[in-house]
Amino acid sequence: MHDQFEELREIFKEEGLEPWTSCEFDFTIEGKLNVSFDYIDWTKLEFGQIAKENYYMYRKFKNFTRNGI
């Protein structure tokens, strides 16, 4: 699967689109698949794993705090 993601990322670049840094798959309760791409280059930022998780949880659930949702 990793190779397929690398291939998809290359297709983005070939088409003149900005290469994404992460991809998320979400299934709704109705069974619909939502795919979203993120463009934050975490390797260039000095955030640790907890900060990354907090960002993800905030994006996903909007009202997230580290003490619970």
PDB file of N, CA and C in Angstrom:
ATOM      1  N   MET A   1       0.821  -1.171   0.000  1.00  0.00           N
ATOM      2  CA  MET A   1       0.000   0.000   0.000  1.00  0.00           C
ATOM      3  C   MET A   1       0.881   1.257   0.000  1.00  0.00           C
ATOM      4  N   HIS A   2       2.004   1.201   0.705  1.00  0.00           N
ATOM      5  CA  HIS A   2       2.909   2.361   0.747  1.00  0.00           C
ATOM      6  C   HIS A   2       3.337   2.757  -0.663  1.00  0.00           C
ATOM      7  N   ASP A   3       3.656   1.766  -1.486  1.00  0.00           N
ATOM      8  CA  ASP A   3       4.065   2.049  -2.870  1.00  0.00           C
ATOM      9  C   ASP A   3       2.945   2.730  -3.651  1.00  0.00           C
ATOM     10  N   GLN A   4       1.714   2.330  -3.408  1.00  0.00           N
ATOM     11  CA  GLN A   4       0.584   2.943  -4.107  1.00  0.00           C
ATOM     12  C   GLN A   4       0.396   4.403  -3.686  1.00  0.00           C
ATOM     13  N   PHE A   5       0.636   4.694  -2.413  1.00  0.00           N
ATOM     14  CA  PHE A   5       0.565   6.087  -1.965  1.00  0.00           C
ATOM     15  C   PHE A   5       1.674   6.917  -2.595  1.00  0.00           C
ATOM     16  N   GLU A   6       2.862   6.343  -2.686  1.00  0.00           N
ATOM     17  CA  GLU A   6       3.968   7.049  -3.334  1.00  0.00           C
ATOM     18  C   GLU A   6       3.626   7.335  -4.798  1.00  0.00           C
ATOM     19  N   GLU A   7       3.026   6.366  -5.463  1.00  0.00           N
ATOM     20  CA  GLU A   7       2.627   6.542  -6.861  1.00  0.00           C
ATOM     21  C   GLU A   7       1.555   7.629  -6.988  1.00  0.00           C
ATOM     22  N   LEU A   8       0.572   7.617  -6.098  1.00  0.00           N
ATOM     23  CA  LEU A   8      -0.476   8.636  -6.117  1.00  0.00           C
ATOM     24  C   LEU A   8       0.116  10.025  -5.886  1.00  0.00           C
ATOM     25  N   ARG A   9       1.060  10.122  -4.973  1.00  0.00           N
ATOM     26  CA  ARG A   9       1.707  11.412  -4.691  1.00  0.00           C
ATOM     27  C   ARG A   9       2.467  11.909  -5.921  1.00  0.00           C
ATOM     28  N   GLU A  10       3.121  11.006  -6.630  1.00  0.00           N
ATOM     29  CA  GLU A  10       3.838  11.372  -7.856  1.00  0.00           C
ATOM     30  C   GLU A  10       2.868  11.859  -8.931  1.00  0.00           C
ATOM     31  N   ILE A  11       1.712  11.239  -9.018  1.00  0.00           N
ATOM     32  CA  ILE A  11       0.696  11.672  -9.987  1.00  0.00           C
ATOM     33  C   ILE A  11       0.259  13.101  -9.675  1.00  0.00           C
ATOM     34  N   PHE A  12       0.078  13.407  -8.395  1.00  0.00           N
ATOM     35  CA  PHE A  12      -0.262  14.782  -7.997  1.00  0.00           C
ATOM     36  C   PHE A  12       0.789  15.743  -8.537  1.00  0.00           C
ATOM     37  N   LYS A  13       2.059  15.415  -8.323  1.00  0.00           N
ATOM     38  CA  LYS A  13       3.149  16.298  -8.761  1.00  0.00           C
ATOM     39  C   LYS A  13       3.172  16.437 -10.282  1.00  0.00           C
ATOM     40  N   GLU A  14       2.998  15.321 -10.988  1.00  0.00           N
ATOM     41  CA  GLU A  14       3.001  15.349 -12.453  1.00  0.00           C
ATOM     42  C   GLU A  14       1.880  16.224 -13.000  1.00  0.00           C
ATOM     43  N   GLU A  15       0.765  16.284 -12.282  1.00  0.00           N
ATOM     44  CA  GLU A  15      -0.382  17.086 -12.707  1.00  0.00           C
ATOM     45  C   GLU A  15      -0.272  18.544 -12.257  1.00  0.00           C
ATOM     46  N   GLY A  16       0.852  18.892 -11.642  1.00  0.00           N
ATOM     47  CA  GLY A  16       1.070  20.267 -11.205  1.00  0.00           C
ATOM     48  C   GLY A  16       0.390  20.612  -9.894  1.00  0.00           C
ATOM     49  N   LEU A  17      -0.036  19.595  -9.161  1.00  0.00           N
ATOM     50  CA  LEU A  17      -0.683  19.812  -7.865  1.00  0.00           C
ATOM     51  C   LEU A  17       0.351  19.720  -6.747  1.00  0.00           C
ATOM     52  N   GLU A  18       0.092  20.427  -5.674  1.00  0.00           N
ATOM     53  CA  GLU A  18       1.004  20.397  -4.533  1.00  0.00           C
ATOM     54  C   GLU A  18       1.010  18.997  -3.920  1.00  0.00           C
ATOM     55  N   PRO A  19       2.185  18.424  -3.680  1.00  0.00           N
ATOM     56  CA  PRO A  19       2.221  17.085  -3.070  1.00  0.00           C
ATOM     57  C   PRO A  19       1.774  17.140  -1.607  1.00  0.00           C
ATOM     58  N   TRP A  20       0.859  16.283  -1.241  1.00  0.00           N
ATOM     59  CA  TRP A  20       0.341  16.240   0.122  1.00  0.00           C
ATOM     60  C   TRP A  20       1.308  15.487   1.021  1.00  0.00           C
ATOM     61  N   THR A  21       1.163  15.711   2.315  1.00  0.00           N
ATOM     62  CA  THR A  21       2.052  15.052   3.276  1.00  0.00           C
ATOM     63  C   THR A  21       1.353  13.954   4.063  1.00  0.00           C
ATOM     64  N   SER A  22       0.024  13.987   4.088  1.00  0.00           N
ATOM     65  CA  SER A  22      -0.718  12.908   4.735  1.00  0.00           C
ATOM     66  C   SER A  22      -2.098  12.793   4.101  1.00  0.00           C
ATOM     67  N   CYS A  23      -2.670  11.622   4.266  1.00  0.00           N
ATOM     68  CA  CYS A  23      -3.966  11.330   3.662  1.00  0.00           C
ATOM     69  C   CYS A  23      -4.815  10.612   4.709  1.00  0.00           C
ATOM     70  N   GLU A  24      -6.079  10.995   4.784  1.00  0.00           N
ATOM     71  CA  GLU A  24      -6.976  10.396   5.775  1.00  0.00           C
ATOM     72  C   GLU A  24      -8.209   9.830   5.080  1.00  0.00           C
ATOM     73  N   PHE A  25      -8.568   8.617   5.459  1.00  0.00           N
ATOM     74  CA  PHE A  25      -9.771   7.970   4.955  1.00  0.00           C
ATOM     75  C   PHE A  25     -10.791   7.913   6.082  1.00  0.00           C
ATOM     76  N   ASP A  26     -11.983   8.346   5.800  1.00  0.00           N
ATOM     77  CA  ASP A  26     -13.066   8.359   6.778  1.00  0.00           C
ATOM     78  C   ASP A  26     -14.297   7.727   6.156  1.00  0.00           C
ATOM     79  N   PHE A  27     -14.921   6.804   6.865  1.00  0.00           N
ATOM     80  CA  PHE A  27     -16.183   6.232   6.411  1.00  0.00           C
ATOM     81  C   PHE A  27     -17.314   6.808   7.252  1.00  0.00           C
ATOM     82  N   THR A  28     -18.349   7.285   6.577  1.00  0.00           N
ATOM     83  CA  THR A  28     -19.510   7.802   7.290  1.00  0.00           C
ATOM     84  C   THR A  28     -20.378   6.634   7.733  1.00  0.00           C
ATOM     85  N   ILE A  29     -21.333   6.919   8.579  1.00  0.00           N
ATOM     86  CA  ILE A  29     -22.256   5.886   9.042  1.00  0.00           C
ATOM     87  C   ILE A  29     -23.062   5.300   7.883  1.00  0.00           C
ATOM     88  N   GLU A  30     -23.216   6.094   6.805  1.00  0.00           N
ATOM     89  CA  GLU A  30     -23.939   5.624   5.620  1.00  0.00           C
ATOM     90  C   GLU A  30     -23.048   4.784   4.706  1.00  0.00           C
ATOM     91  N   GLY A  31     -21.767   4.657   5.051  1.00  0.00           N
ATOM     92  CA  GLY A  31     -20.847   3.868   4.242  1.00  0.00           C
ATOM     93  C   GLY A  31     -20.132   4.660   3.166  1.00  0.00           C
ATOM     94  N   LYS A  32     -20.307   5.966   3.157  1.00  0.00           N
ATOM     95  CA  LYS A  32     -19.632   6.816   2.178  1.00  0.00           C
ATOM     96  C   LYS A  32     -18.174   7.011   2.597  1.00  0.00           C
ATOM     97  N   LEU A  33     -17.280   6.976   1.625  1.00  0.00           N
ATOM     98  CA  LEU A  33     -15.858   7.180   1.882  1.00  0.00           C
ATOM     99  C   LEU A  33     -15.495   8.632   1.615  1.00  0.00           C
ATOM    100  N   ASN A  34     -14.904   9.283   2.606  1.00  0.00           N
ATOM    101  CA  ASN A  34     -14.360  10.630   2.442  1.00  0.00           C
ATOM    102  C   ASN A  34     -12.844  10.537   2.521  1.00  0.00           C
ATOM    103  N   VAL A  35     -12.169  11.179   1.592  1.00  0.00           N
ATOM    104  CA  VAL A  35     -10.709  11.203   1.579  1.00  0.00           C
ATOM    105  C   VAL A  35     -10.266  12.651   1.672  1.00  0.00           C
ATOM    106  N   SER A  36      -9.350  12.920   2.593  1.00  0.00           N
ATOM    107  CA  SER A  36      -8.821  14.280   2.706  1.00  0.00           C
ATOM    108  C   SER A  36      -7.299  14.228   2.719  1.00  0.00           C
ATOM    109  N   PHE A  37      -6.701  15.274   2.177  1.00  0.00           N
ATOM    110  CA  PHE A  37      -5.253  15.382   2.094  1.00  0.00           C
ATOM    111  C   PHE A  37      -4.798  16.554   2.945  1.00  0.00           C
ATOM    112  N   ASP A  38      -3.652  16.407   3.589  1.00  0.00           N
ATOM    113  CA  ASP A  38      -3.098  17.472   4.419  1.00  0.00           C
ATOM    114  C   ASP A  38      -1.758  17.884   3.829  1.00  0.00           C
ATOM    115  N   TYR A  39      -1.433  19.148   3.967  1.00  0.00           N
ATOM    116  CA  TYR A  39      -0.234  19.694   3.333  1.00  0.00           C
ATOM    117  C   TYR A  39       0.765  20.273   4.327  1.00  0.00           C
ATOM    118  N   ILE A  40       0.599  19.989   5.597  1.00  0.00           N
ATOM    119  CA  ILE A  40       1.549  20.474   6.598  1.00  0.00           C
ATOM    120  C   ILE A  40       2.788  19.584   6.552  1.00  0.00           C
ATOM    121  N   ASP A  41       3.951  20.193   6.370  1.00  0.00           N
ATOM    122  CA  ASP A  41       5.200  19.427   6.354  1.00  0.00           C
ATOM    123  C   ASP A  41       5.738  19.355   7.782  1.00  0.00           C
ATOM    124  N   TRP A  42       5.308  18.338   8.507  1.00  0.00           N
ATOM    125  CA  TRP A  42       5.676  18.197   9.911  1.00  0.00           C
ATOM    126  C   TRP A  42       7.176  18.026  10.099  1.00  0.00           C
ATOM    127  N   THR A  43       7.885  17.539   9.084  1.00  0.00           N
ATOM    128  CA  THR A  43       9.337  17.352   9.218  1.00  0.00           C
ATOM    129  C   THR A  43      10.069  18.678   9.341  1.00  0.00           C
ATOM    130  N   LYS A  44       9.474  19.766   8.853  1.00  0.00           N
ATOM    131  CA  LYS A  44      10.108  21.082   8.921  1.00  0.00           C
ATOM    132  C   LYS A  44       9.680  21.873  10.158  1.00  0.00           C
ATOM    133  N   LEU A  45       8.739  21.344  10.905  1.00  0.00           N
ATOM    134  CA  LEU A  45       8.248  22.021  12.105  1.00  0.00           C
ATOM    135  C   LEU A  45       8.811  21.327  13.345  1.00  0.00           C
ATOM    136  N   GLU A  46       8.869  22.040  14.435  1.00  0.00           N
ATOM    137  CA  GLU A  46       9.458  21.488  15.654  1.00  0.00           C
ATOM    138  C   GLU A  46       8.400  21.020  16.653  1.00  0.00           C
ATOM    139  N   PHE A  47       7.312  20.477  16.151  1.00  0.00           N
ATOM    140  CA  PHE A  47       6.262  19.974  17.022  1.00  0.00           C
ATOM    141  C   PHE A  47       6.492  18.498  17.301  1.00  0.00           C
ATOM    142  N   GLY A  48       6.240  18.097  18.529  1.00  0.00           N
ATOM    143  CA  GLY A  48       6.371  16.696  18.899  1.00  0.00           C
ATOM    144  C   GLY A  48       5.127  15.905  18.549  1.00  0.00           C
ATOM    145  N   GLN A  49       5.166  14.625  18.897  1.00  0.00           N
ATOM    146  CA  GLN A  49       4.067  13.723  18.566  1.00  0.00           C
ATOM    147  C   GLN A  49       2.750  14.149  19.223  1.00  0.00           C
ATOM    148  N   ILE A  50       2.811  14.594  20.469  1.00  0.00           N
ATOM    149  CA  ILE A  50       1.583  15.012  21.168  1.00  0.00           C
ATOM    150  C   ILE A  50       0.944  16.206  20.461  1.00  0.00           C
ATOM    151  N   ALA A  51       1.755  17.166  20.038  1.00  0.00           N
ATOM    152  CA  ALA A  51       1.221  18.336  19.325  1.00  0.00           C
ATOM    153  C   ALA A  51       0.561  17.916  18.019  1.00  0.00           C
ATOM    154  N   LYS A  52       1.157  16.959  17.327  1.00  0.00           N
ATOM    155  CA  LYS A  52       0.571  16.455  16.081  1.00  0.00           C
ATOM    156  C   LYS A  52      -0.776  15.787  16.363  1.00  0.00           C
ATOM    157  N   GLU A  53      -0.814  14.976  17.422  1.00  0.00           N
ATOM    158  CA  GLU A  53      -2.065  14.308  17.786  1.00  0.00           C
ATOM    159  C   GLU A  53      -3.136  15.324  18.179  1.00  0.00           C
ATOM    160  N   ASN A  54      -2.750  16.348  18.935  1.00  0.00           N
ATOM    161  CA  ASN A  54      -3.706  17.392  19.319  1.00  0.00           C
ATOM    162  C   ASN A  54      -4.256  18.106  18.092  1.00  0.00           C
ATOM    163  N   TYR A  55      -3.391  18.407  17.139  1.00  0.00           N
ATOM    164  CA  TYR A  55      -3.830  19.058  15.901  1.00  0.00           C
ATOM    165  C   TYR A  55      -4.842  18.171  15.170  1.00  0.00           C
ATOM    166  N   TYR A  56      -4.510  16.897  15.045  1.00  0.00           N
ATOM    167  CA  TYR A  56      -5.407  15.965  14.360  1.00  0.00           C
ATOM    168  C   TYR A  56      -6.759  15.898  15.076  1.00  0.00           C
ATOM    169  N   MET A  57      -6.729  15.751  16.397  1.00  0.00           N
ATOM    170  CA  MET A  57      -7.974  15.641  17.155  1.00  0.00           C
ATOM    171  C   MET A  57      -8.793  16.926  17.048  1.00  0.00           C
ATOM    172  N   TYR A  58      -8.122  18.075  17.070  1.00  0.00           N
ATOM    173  CA  TYR A  58      -8.842  19.340  16.923  1.00  0.00           C
ATOM    174  C   TYR A  58      -9.506  19.415  15.552  1.00  0.00           C
ATOM    175  N   ARG A  59      -8.741  19.070  14.511  1.00  0.00           N
ATOM    176  CA  ARG A  59      -9.310  19.097  13.154  1.00  0.00           C
ATOM    177  C   ARG A  59     -10.476  18.136  13.038  1.00  0.00           C
ATOM    178  N   LYS A  60     -10.333  16.980  13.634  1.00  0.00           N
ATOM    179  CA  LYS A  60     -11.331  15.926  13.504  1.00  0.00           C
ATOM    180  C   LYS A  60     -12.588  16.217  14.329  1.00  0.00           C
ATOM    181  N   PHE A  61     -12.388  16.691  15.547  1.00  0.00           N
ATOM    182  CA  PHE A  61     -13.510  16.820  16.476  1.00  0.00           C
ATOM    183  C   PHE A  61     -13.800  18.254  16.912  1.00  0.00           C
ATOM    184  N   LYS A  62     -13.023  19.203  16.474  1.00  0.00           N
ATOM    185  CA  LYS A  62     -13.186  20.646  16.706  1.00  0.00           C
ATOM    186  C   LYS A  62     -13.140  21.083  18.169  1.00  0.00           C
ATOM    187  N   ASN A  63     -13.789  20.388  19.078  1.00  0.00           N
ATOM    188  CA  ASN A  63     -13.841  20.814  20.475  1.00  0.00           C
ATOM    189  C   ASN A  63     -12.919  19.994  21.370  1.00  0.00           C
ATOM    190  N   PHE A  64     -11.916  19.381  20.794  1.00  0.00           N
ATOM    191  CA  PHE A  64     -11.022  18.499  21.541  1.00  0.00           C
ATOM    192  C   PHE A  64     -10.145  19.278  22.515  1.00  0.00           C
ATOM    193  N   THR A  65     -10.013  18.737  23.709  1.00  0.00           N
ATOM    194  CA  THR A  65      -8.994  19.204  24.650  1.00  0.00           C
ATOM    195  C   THR A  65      -8.242  17.976  25.132  1.00  0.00           C
ATOM    196  N   ARG A  66      -7.045  18.154  25.600  1.00  0.00           N
ATOM    197  CA  ARG A  66      -6.233  17.020  26.035  1.00  0.00           C
ATOM    198  C   ARG A  66      -6.892  16.278  27.196  1.00  0.00           C
ATOM    199  N   ASN A  67      -7.735  16.943  27.964  1.00  0.00           N
ATOM    200  CA  ASN A  67      -8.396  16.316  29.110  1.00  0.00           C
ATOM    201  C   ASN A  67      -9.637  15.528  28.717  1.00  0.00           C
ATOM    202  N   GLY A  68      -9.949  15.522  27.454  1.00  0.00           N
ATOM    203  CA  GLY A  68     -11.116  14.771  26.992  1.00  0.00           C
ATOM    204  C   GLY A  68     -11.942  15.578  26.023  1.00  0.00           C
ATOM    205  N   ILE A  69     -12.905  14.903  25.451  1.00  0.00           N
ATOM    206  CA  ILE A  69     -13.753  15.546  24.447  1.00  0.00           C
ATOM    207  C   ILE A  69     -15.063  15.947  25.092  1.00  0.00           C
TER     208      ILE A  69
END
